PDB file of N, CA and C in Angstrom:
ATOM      1  N   UNK A   1    -234.781  81.169  54.302  1.00  0.00           N
ATOM      2  CA  UNK A   1    -234.499  82.221  54.806  1.00  0.00           C
ATOM      3  C   UNK A   1    -232.979  82.272  54.922  1.00  0.00           C
ATOM      4  N   UNK A   2    -232.253  83.141  54.481  1.00  0.00           N
ATOM      5  CA  UNK A   2    -231.006  83.528  54.779  1.00  0.00           C
ATOM      6  C   UNK A   2    -230.494  83.793  56.006  1.00  0.00           C
ATOM      7  N   UNK A   3    -229.330  83.113  56.534  1.00  0.00           N
ATOM      8  CA  UNK A   3    -228.769  83.526  57.847  1.00  0.00           C
ATOM      9  C   UNK A   3    -228.315  84.773  58.046  1.00  0.00           C
ATOM     10  N   UNK A   4    -228.307  85.375  59.264  1.00  0.00           N
ATOM     11  CA  UNK A   4    -227.881  86.843  59.285  1.00  0.00           C
ATOM     12  C   UNK A   4    -226.066  86.825  59.263  1.00  0.00           C
ATOM     13  N   UNK A   5    -225.838  85.715  59.843  1.00  0.00           N
ATOM     14  CA  UNK A   5    -224.066  85.714  59.747  1.00  0.00           C
ATOM     15  C   UNK A   5    -223.769  84.300  59.212  1.00  0.00           C
ATOM     16  N   UNK A   6    -222.562  84.494  58.362  1.00  0.00           N
ATOM     17  CA  UNK A   6    -221.993  83.263  57.858  1.00  0.00           C
ATOM     18  C   UNK A   6    -220.662  83.169  58.744  1.00  0.00           C
ATOM     19  N   UNK A   7    -220.425  81.992  59.335  1.00  0.00           N
ATOM     20  CA  UNK A   7    -219.079  81.843  59.948  1.00  0.00           C
ATOM     21  C   UNK A   7    -218.231  80.958  59.235  1.00  0.00           C
ATOM     22  N   UNK A   8    -217.142  81.237  58.819  1.00  0.00           N
ATOM     23  CA  UNK A   8    -216.297  80.689  57.760  1.00  0.00           C
ATOM     24  C   UNK A   8    -215.034  80.089  58.387  1.00  0.00           C
ATOM     25  N   UNK A   9    -214.835  78.705  58.527  1.00  0.00           N
ATOM     26  CA  UNK A   9    -213.606  77.978  59.237  1.00  0.00           C
ATOM     27  C   UNK A   9    -212.766  77.211  58.335  1.00  0.00           C
ATOM     28  N   UNK A  10    -211.584  77.528  57.922  1.00  0.00           N
ATOM     29  CA  UNK A  10    -210.966  76.886  56.953  1.00  0.00           C
ATOM     30  C   UNK A  10    -210.103  75.704  57.871  1.00  0.00           C
ATOM     31  N   UNK A  11    -210.304  74.494  57.575  1.00  0.00           N
ATOM     32  CA  UNK A  11    -209.810  73.554  58.129  1.00  0.00           C
ATOM     33  C   UNK A  11    -208.713  72.767  57.542  1.00  0.00           C
ATOM     34  N   UNK A  12    -207.636  72.595  58.142  1.00  0.00           N
ATOM     35  CA  UNK A  12    -206.467  71.838  57.522  1.00  0.00           C
ATOM     36  C   UNK A  12    -205.779  70.997  58.822  1.00  0.00           C
ATOM     37  N   UNK A  13    -205.849  69.601  58.671  1.00  0.00           N
ATOM     38  CA  UNK A  13    -205.593  68.989  59.812  1.00  0.00           C
ATOM     39  C   UNK A  13    -205.765  69.283  61.275  1.00  0.00           C
ATOM     40  N   UNK A  14    -207.051  69.414  61.394  1.00  0.00           N
ATOM     41  CA  UNK A  14    -207.606  69.944  62.578  1.00  0.00           C
ATOM     42  C   UNK A  14    -208.584  68.889  63.306  1.00  0.00           C
ATOM     43  N   UNK A  15    -208.071  67.485  62.965  1.00  0.00           N
ATOM     44  CA  UNK A  15    -208.936  66.494  63.568  1.00  0.00           C
ATOM     45  C   UNK A  15    -208.914  66.604  65.068  1.00  0.00           C
ATOM     46  N   UNK A  16    -208.079  66.964  65.784  1.00  0.00           N
ATOM     47  CA  UNK A  16    -207.959  67.291  67.304  1.00  0.00           C
ATOM     48  C   UNK A  16    -208.885  68.453  67.748  1.00  0.00           C
ATOM     49  N   UNK A  17    -209.144  69.304  66.881  1.00  0.00           N
ATOM     50  CA  UNK A  17    -209.639  70.618  67.698  1.00  0.00           C
ATOM     51  C   UNK A  17    -210.942  70.938  66.930  1.00  0.00           C
ATOM     52  N   UNK A  18    -211.416  70.333  65.721  1.00  0.00           N
ATOM     53  CA  UNK A  18    -212.523  70.835  65.221  1.00  0.00           C
ATOM     54  C   UNK A  18    -213.747  70.612  65.829  1.00  0.00           C
ATOM     55  N   UNK A  19    -213.979  69.492  66.594  1.00  0.00           N
ATOM     56  CA  UNK A  19    -215.082  69.468  67.418  1.00  0.00           C
ATOM     57  C   UNK A  19    -215.444  70.323  68.278  1.00  0.00           C
ATOM     58  N   UNK A  20    -214.288  70.710  69.054  1.00  0.00           N
ATOM     59  CA  UNK A  20    -214.588  72.008  70.024  1.00  0.00           C
ATOM     60  C   UNK A  20    -214.781  73.203  69.354  1.00  0.00           C
ATOM     61  N   UNK A  21    -213.951  73.389  68.394  1.00  0.00           N
ATOM     62  CA  UNK A  21    -214.260  74.499  67.724  1.00  0.00           C
ATOM     63  C   UNK A  21    -215.754  74.702  67.080  1.00  0.00           C
ATOM     64  N   UNK A  22    -216.275  73.864  66.581  1.00  0.00           N
ATOM     65  CA  UNK A  22    -217.686  73.802  66.043  1.00  0.00           C
ATOM     66  C   UNK A  22    -218.630  73.852  67.193  1.00  0.00           C
ATOM     67  N   UNK A  23    -218.251  73.236  68.351  1.00  0.00           N
ATOM     68  CA  UNK A  23    -219.099  73.333  69.736  1.00  0.00           C
ATOM     69  C   UNK A  23    -219.198  74.743  70.082  1.00  0.00           C
ATOM     70  N   UNK A  24    -218.040  75.513  70.050  1.00  0.00           N
ATOM     71  CA  UNK A  24    -217.844  76.792  70.792  1.00  0.00           C
ATOM     72  C   UNK A  24    -218.883  77.887  69.701  1.00  0.00           C
ATOM     73  N   UNK A  25    -218.845  77.424  68.610  1.00  0.00           N
ATOM     74  CA  UNK A  25    -219.512  78.507  67.463  1.00  0.00           C
ATOM     75  C   UNK A  25    -221.245  77.970  67.922  1.00  0.00           C
ATOM     76  N   UNK A  26    -221.310  77.013  67.894  1.00  0.00           N
ATOM     77  CA  UNK A  26    -223.024  76.770  67.757  1.00  0.00           C
ATOM     78  C   UNK A  26    -223.618  76.751  69.129  1.00  0.00           C
ATOM     79  N   UNK A  27    -222.685  76.703  70.322  1.00  0.00           N
ATOM     80  CA  UNK A  27    -223.281  76.712  71.637  1.00  0.00           C
ATOM     81  C   UNK A  27    -223.491  78.253  71.865  1.00  0.00           C
ATOM     82  N   UNK A  28    -223.473  79.482  71.054  1.00  0.00           N
ATOM     83  CA  UNK A  28    -223.704  80.591  71.378  1.00  0.00           C
ATOM     84  C   UNK A  28    -225.111  80.860  71.277  1.00  0.00           C
ATOM     85  N   UNK A  29    -225.883  81.889  72.210  1.00  0.00           N
ATOM     86  CA  UNK A  29    -227.095  82.221  72.275  1.00  0.00           C
ATOM     87  C   UNK A  29    -227.649  82.730  70.848  1.00  0.00           C
ATOM     88  N   UNK A  30    -226.746  83.202  70.152  1.00  0.00           N
ATOM     89  CA  UNK A  30    -227.103  83.779  68.963  1.00  0.00           C
ATOM     90  C   UNK A  30    -227.261  82.388  67.932  1.00  0.00           C
ATOM     91  N   UNK A  31    -228.279  82.172  67.186  1.00  0.00           N
ATOM     92  CA  UNK A  31    -228.509  81.175  66.192  1.00  0.00           C
ATOM     93  C   UNK A  31    -228.645  81.321  65.024  1.00  0.00           C
ATOM     94  N   UNK A  32    -228.879  82.562  64.532  1.00  0.00           N
ATOM     95  CA  UNK A  32    -229.041  82.845  63.207  1.00  0.00           C
ATOM     96  C   UNK A  32    -227.922  82.966  62.158  1.00  0.00           C
ATOM     97  N   UNK A  33    -227.318  81.592  62.102  1.00  0.00           N
ATOM     98  CA  UNK A  33    -226.050  81.946  61.317  1.00  0.00           C
ATOM     99  C   UNK A  33    -225.669  80.393  60.754  1.00  0.00           C
ATOM    100  N   UNK A  34    -224.921  80.274  59.686  1.00  0.00           N
ATOM    101  CA  UNK A  34    -224.501  79.346  59.004  1.00  0.00           C
ATOM    102  C   UNK A  34    -223.085  79.008  59.134  1.00  0.00           C
ATOM    103  N   UNK A  35    -222.637  77.753  59.322  1.00  0.00           N
ATOM    104  CA  UNK A  35    -221.159  77.520  59.692  1.00  0.00           C
ATOM    105  C   UNK A  35    -220.482  76.977  58.494  1.00  0.00           C
ATOM    106  N   UNK A  36    -219.602  77.543  57.595  1.00  0.00           N
ATOM    107  CA  UNK A  36    -219.211  76.960  56.650  1.00  0.00           C
ATOM    108  C   UNK A  36    -217.774  76.300  56.928  1.00  0.00           C
ATOM    109  N   UNK A  37    -217.519  75.016  56.899  1.00  0.00           N
ATOM    110  CA  UNK A  37    -216.184  74.306  57.251  1.00  0.00           C
ATOM    111  C   UNK A  37    -215.570  73.938  56.150  1.00  0.00           C
ATOM    112  N   UNK A  38    -214.439  74.541  55.645  1.00  0.00           N
ATOM    113  CA  UNK A  38    -214.032  74.549  54.317  1.00  0.00           C
ATOM    114  C   UNK A  38    -212.716  73.700  54.603  1.00  0.00           C
ATOM    115  N   UNK A  39    -212.531  72.352  54.252  1.00  0.00           N
ATOM    116  CA  UNK A  39    -211.861  71.313  54.385  1.00  0.00           C
ATOM    117  C   UNK A  39    -210.579  71.616  53.171  1.00  0.00           C
ATOM    118  N   UNK A  40    -209.348  71.917  53.626  1.00  0.00           N
ATOM    119  CA  UNK A  40    -208.367  72.740  52.658  1.00  0.00           C
ATOM    120  C   UNK A  40    -207.448  71.335  52.255  1.00  0.00           C
ATOM    121  N   UNK A  41    -207.820  70.191  51.941  1.00  0.00           N
ATOM    122  CA  UNK A  41    -207.244  69.086  51.605  1.00  0.00           C
ATOM    123  C   UNK A  41    -206.624  68.475  52.794  1.00  0.00           C
ATOM    124  N   UNK A  42    -206.958  68.289  53.835  1.00  0.00           N
ATOM    125  CA  UNK A  42    -206.566  67.807  54.779  1.00  0.00           C
ATOM    126  C   UNK A  42    -206.109  66.278  54.688  1.00  0.00           C
ATOM    127  N   UNK A  43    -205.067  66.189  55.587  1.00  0.00           N
ATOM    128  CA  UNK A  43    -204.401  64.485  55.169  1.00  0.00           C
ATOM    129  C   UNK A  43    -204.815  63.702  56.435  1.00  0.00           C
ATOM    130  N   UNK A  44    -205.475  64.209  57.287  1.00  0.00           N
ATOM    131  CA  UNK A  44    -205.792  63.478  58.435  1.00  0.00           C
ATOM    132  C   UNK A  44    -207.376  63.225  58.448  1.00  0.00           C
ATOM    133  N   UNK A  45    -208.240  63.082  59.448  1.00  0.00           N
ATOM    134  CA  UNK A  45    -209.604  62.786  59.276  1.00  0.00           C
ATOM    135  C   UNK A  45    -210.421  63.978  59.421  1.00  0.00           C
ATOM    136  N   UNK A  46    -210.035  65.161  59.487  1.00  0.00           N
ATOM    137  CA  UNK A  46    -210.738  66.291  59.433  1.00  0.00           C
ATOM    138  C   UNK A  46    -212.008  66.284  58.214  1.00  0.00           C
ATOM    139  N   UNK A  47    -211.750  65.857  56.977  1.00  0.00           N
ATOM    140  CA  UNK A  47    -212.677  65.819  56.128  1.00  0.00           C
ATOM    141  C   UNK A  47    -213.954  65.111  56.539  1.00  0.00           C
ATOM    142  N   UNK A  48    -213.686  64.008  56.665  1.00  0.00           N
ATOM    143  CA  UNK A  48    -214.776  63.249  57.098  1.00  0.00           C
ATOM    144  C   UNK A  48    -215.421  63.424  58.571  1.00  0.00           C
ATOM    145  N   UNK A  49    -214.760  64.027  59.132  1.00  0.00           N
ATOM    146  CA  UNK A  49    -215.133  64.709  60.672  1.00  0.00           C
ATOM    147  C   UNK A  49    -216.153  65.712  60.485  1.00  0.00           C
ATOM    148  N   UNK A  50    -215.631  66.786  59.452  1.00  0.00           N
ATOM    149  CA  UNK A  50    -216.523  67.717  59.024  1.00  0.00           C
ATOM    150  C   UNK A  50    -217.825  67.276  58.456  1.00  0.00           C
ATOM    151  N   UNK A  51    -217.873  66.360  57.687  1.00  0.00           N
ATOM    152  CA  UNK A  51    -219.030  65.842  57.164  1.00  0.00           C
ATOM    153  C   UNK A  51    -219.848  65.192  58.075  1.00  0.00           C
ATOM    154  N   UNK A  52    -219.272  64.554  59.252  1.00  0.00           N
ATOM    155  CA  UNK A  52    -220.078  63.941  60.135  1.00  0.00           C
ATOM    156  C   UNK A  52    -220.764  64.764  61.135  1.00  0.00           C
ATOM    157  N   UNK A  53    -220.186  66.180  61.369  1.00  0.00           N
ATOM    158  CA  UNK A  53    -220.686  67.212  62.179  1.00  0.00           C
ATOM    159  C   UNK A  53    -221.748  67.972  61.289  1.00  0.00           C
ATOM    160  N   UNK A  54    -221.704  67.864  60.034  1.00  0.00           N
ATOM    161  CA  UNK A  54    -222.634  68.624  59.321  1.00  0.00           C
ATOM    162  C   UNK A  54    -224.129  67.711  59.507  1.00  0.00           C
ATOM    163  N   UNK A  55    -223.905  66.617  59.417  1.00  0.00           N
ATOM    164  CA  UNK A  55    -225.305  65.668  59.597  1.00  0.00           C
ATOM    165  C   UNK A  55    -226.189  65.812  60.618  1.00  0.00           C
ATOM    166  N   UNK A  56    -225.236  66.131  61.789  1.00  0.00           N
ATOM    167  CA  UNK A  56    -226.006  66.810  62.998  1.00  0.00           C
ATOM    168  C   UNK A  56    -226.613  67.858  63.183  1.00  0.00           C
ATOM    169  N   UNK A  57    -226.235  68.809  62.250  1.00  0.00           N
ATOM    170  CA  UNK A  57    -226.716  70.037  62.372  1.00  0.00           C
ATOM    171  C   UNK A  57    -226.924  70.822  60.846  1.00  0.00           C
ATOM    172  N   UNK A  58    -228.031  71.225  60.763  1.00  0.00           N
ATOM    173  CA  UNK A  58    -228.579  71.671  59.367  1.00  0.00           C
ATOM    174  C   UNK A  58    -227.550  72.992  59.212  1.00  0.00           C
ATOM    175  N   UNK A  59    -227.363  73.680  60.244  1.00  0.00           N
ATOM    176  CA  UNK A  59    -226.806  74.974  59.894  1.00  0.00           C
ATOM    177  C   UNK A  59    -225.041  74.730  59.346  1.00  0.00           C
ATOM    178  N   UNK A  60    -224.635  73.616  59.360  1.00  0.00           N
ATOM    179  CA  UNK A  60    -223.075  73.321  59.000  1.00  0.00           C
ATOM    180  C   UNK A  60    -223.346  73.083  57.547  1.00  0.00           C
ATOM    181  N   UNK A  61    -222.392  73.524  56.928  1.00  0.00           N
ATOM    182  CA  UNK A  61    -222.025  73.329  55.437  1.00  0.00           C
ATOM    183  C   UNK A  61    -220.610  72.762  55.125  1.00  0.00           C
ATOM    184  N   UNK A  62    -220.244  71.837  54.655  1.00  0.00           N
ATOM    185  CA  UNK A  62    -218.951  71.627  54.365  1.00  0.00           C
ATOM    186  C   UNK A  62    -218.522  71.637  52.716  1.00  0.00           C
ATOM    187  N   UNK A  63    -217.332  72.278  52.679  1.00  0.00           N
ATOM    188  CA  UNK A  63    -216.657  72.559  51.304  1.00  0.00           C
ATOM    189  C   UNK A  63    -215.375  71.667  51.329  1.00  0.00           C
ATOM    190  N   UNK A  64    -215.117  71.013  50.423  1.00  0.00           N
ATOM    191  CA  UNK A  64    -214.017  70.158  50.059  1.00  0.00           C
ATOM    192  C   UNK A  64    -212.951  70.810  48.982  1.00  0.00           C
ATOM    193  N   UNK A  65    -211.995  70.839  49.176  1.00  0.00           N
ATOM    194  CA  UNK A  65    -211.033  71.422  48.198  1.00  0.00           C
ATOM    195  C   UNK A  65    -209.432  70.764  48.316  1.00  0.00           C
ATOM    196  N   UNK A  66    -208.484  71.137  47.166  1.00  0.00           N
ATOM    197  CA  UNK A  66    -207.385  70.685  47.404  1.00  0.00           C
ATOM    198  C   UNK A  66    -206.555  71.735  48.029  1.00  0.00           C
ATOM    199  N   UNK A  67    -205.549  71.302  48.767  1.00  0.00           N
ATOM    200  CA  UNK A  67    -204.748  72.169  49.643  1.00  0.00           C
ATOM    201  C   UNK A  67    -204.223  73.309  48.801  1.00  0.00           C
ATOM    202  N   UNK A  68    -204.823  74.637  49.363  1.00  0.00           N
ATOM    203  CA  UNK A  68    -204.253  75.576  48.747  1.00  0.00           C
ATOM    204  C   UNK A  68    -203.753  76.881  49.493  1.00  0.00           C
ATOM    205  N   UNK A  69    -204.085  76.687  50.988  1.00  0.00           N
ATOM    206  CA  UNK A  69    -203.689  77.565  51.857  1.00  0.00           C
ATOM    207  C   UNK A  69    -204.928  78.216  52.732  1.00  0.00           C
ATOM    208  N   UNK A  70    -204.713  79.071  53.522  1.00  0.00           N
ATOM    209  CA  UNK A  70    -206.012  79.320  54.391  1.00  0.00           C
ATOM    210  C   UNK A  70    -206.702  80.540  53.561  1.00  0.00           C
ATOM    211  N   UNK A  71    -205.909  81.245  52.984  1.00  0.00           N
ATOM    212  CA  UNK A  71    -206.448  82.448  52.360  1.00  0.00           C
ATOM    213  C   UNK A  71    -207.462  81.797  51.232  1.00  0.00           C
ATOM    214  N   UNK A  72    -207.029  80.988  50.421  1.00  0.00           N
ATOM    215  CA  UNK A  72    -208.095  80.261  49.442  1.00  0.00           C
ATOM    216  C   UNK A  72    -209.194  79.705  49.879  1.00  0.00           C
ATOM    217  N   UNK A  73    -209.035  78.957  51.021  1.00  0.00           N
ATOM    218  CA  UNK A  73    -210.044  78.232  51.789  1.00  0.00           C
ATOM    219  C   UNK A  73    -211.067  79.372  52.317  1.00  0.00           C
ATOM    220  N   UNK A  74    -210.745  80.476  52.605  1.00  0.00           N
ATOM    221  CA  UNK A  74    -211.579  81.496  53.220  1.00  0.00           C
ATOM    222  C   UNK A  74    -212.210  82.028  52.040  1.00  0.00           C
ATOM    223  N   UNK A  75    -211.516  82.495  50.776  1.00  0.00           N
ATOM    224  CA  UNK A  75    -212.158  82.948  49.566  1.00  0.00           C
ATOM    225  C   UNK A  75    -213.319  82.056  49.344  1.00  0.00           C
ATOM    226  N   UNK A  76    -213.041  80.459  49.238  1.00  0.00           N
ATOM    227  CA  UNK A  76    -214.306  79.571  48.800  1.00  0.00           C
ATOM    228  C   UNK A  76    -215.177  79.971  49.784  1.00  0.00           C
ATOM    229  N   UNK A  77    -215.063  79.861  50.906  1.00  0.00           N
ATOM    230  CA  UNK A  77    -216.092  79.975  51.899  1.00  0.00           C
ATOM    231  C   UNK A  77    -217.020  81.188  51.694  1.00  0.00           C
ATOM    232  N   UNK A  78    -216.196  82.300  51.408  1.00  0.00           N
ATOM    233  CA  UNK A  78    -216.974  83.620  50.972  1.00  0.00           C
ATOM    234  C   UNK A  78    -217.682  83.352  49.762  1.00  0.00           C
ATOM    235  N   UNK A  79    -217.189  82.611  48.865  1.00  0.00           N
ATOM    236  CA  UNK A  79    -218.090  82.515  47.528  1.00  0.00           C
ATOM    237  C   UNK A  79    -219.415  81.695  47.877  1.00  0.00           C
ATOM    238  N   UNK A  80    -219.250  80.852  49.009  1.00  0.00           N
ATOM    239  CA  UNK A  80    -220.539  80.307  49.222  1.00  0.00           C
ATOM    240  C   UNK A  80    -221.459  80.770  50.371  1.00  0.00           C
ATOM    241  N   UNK A  81    -220.913  81.805  50.936  1.00  0.00           N
ATOM    242  CA  UNK A  81    -221.555  82.298  52.078  1.00  0.00           C
ATOM    243  C   UNK A  81    -222.917  83.050  51.830  1.00  0.00           C
ATOM    244  N   UNK A  82    -224.041  82.677  52.811  1.00  0.00           N
ATOM    245  CA  UNK A  82    -225.295  83.397  52.496  1.00  0.00           C
ATOM    246  C   UNK A  82    -225.681  84.581  53.400  1.00  0.00           C
ATOM    247  N   UNK A  83    -224.766  84.677  54.457  1.00  0.00           N
ATOM    248  CA  UNK A  83    -225.217  85.583  55.290  1.00  0.00           C
ATOM    249  C   UNK A  83    -225.226  87.013  55.185  1.00  0.00           C
ATOM    250  N   UNK A  84    -225.713  87.911  55.885  1.00  0.00           N
ATOM    251  CA  UNK A  84    -225.652  89.470  55.548  1.00  0.00           C
ATOM    252  C   UNK A  84    -224.184  89.786  56.289  1.00  0.00           C
ATOM    253  N   UNK A  85    -223.651  89.238  57.224  1.00  0.00           N
ATOM    254  CA  UNK A  85    -222.103  89.543  57.634  1.00  0.00           C
ATOM    255  C   UNK A  85    -221.436  88.003  57.825  1.00  0.00           C
ATOM    256  N   UNK A  86    -220.231  88.245  57.611  1.00  0.00           N
ATOM    257  CA  UNK A  86    -219.101  87.380  57.466  1.00  0.00           C
ATOM    258  C   UNK A  86    -218.194  87.560  58.788  1.00  0.00           C
ATOM    259  N   UNK A  87    -218.079  86.384  59.192  1.00  0.00           N
ATOM    260  CA  UNK A  87    -216.974  86.135  60.459  1.00  0.00           C
ATOM    261  C   UNK A  87    -216.160  85.015  59.928  1.00  0.00           C
ATOM    262  N   UNK A  88    -214.841  85.195  60.172  1.00  0.00           N
ATOM    263  CA  UNK A  88    -213.688  83.966  60.065  1.00  0.00           C
ATOM    264  C   UNK A  88    -213.445  83.519  61.542  1.00  0.00           C
ATOM    265  N   UNK A  89    -213.436  82.213  61.598  1.00  0.00           N
ATOM    266  CA  UNK A  89    -212.973  81.457  62.755  1.00  0.00           C
ATOM    267  C   UNK A  89    -211.946  80.629  62.523  1.00  0.00           C
ATOM    268  N   UNK A  90    -210.668  80.677  63.116  1.00  0.00           N
ATOM    269  CA  UNK A  90    -209.592  79.466  63.110  1.00  0.00           C
ATOM    270  C   UNK A  90    -210.102  78.197  63.529  1.00  0.00           C
ATOM    271  N   UNK A  91    -209.799  77.133  63.220  1.00  0.00           N
ATOM    272  CA  UNK A  91    -210.211  75.813  63.379  1.00  0.00           C
ATOM    273  C   UNK A  91    -209.470  75.294  64.652  1.00  0.00           C
ATOM    274  N   UNK A  92    -208.514  75.900  65.241  1.00  0.00           N
ATOM    275  CA  UNK A  92    -208.112  75.459  66.455  1.00  0.00           C
ATOM    276  C   UNK A  92    -208.182  76.473  67.583  1.00  0.00           C
TER     277      UNK A  92
END
């Protein structure tokens, strides 16, 4: 079954904030969502951390790409989004 909302989060060197960001999204009362974390070629530990978070919650999907900027990261997330509605959230 497709989720109602796809939340797309471009991630670039957000190792210090991504846990809090993900928790704030998943802790909502509304749960019919998927969370797409798009690792935009991070050079810190953000990429592996996103993968770790995805193992803990089936609603999280991680996409990895070479660095190309926030716009391209959002576009990739949009290409993979399954929700009826789209929401963008910054990783910080």
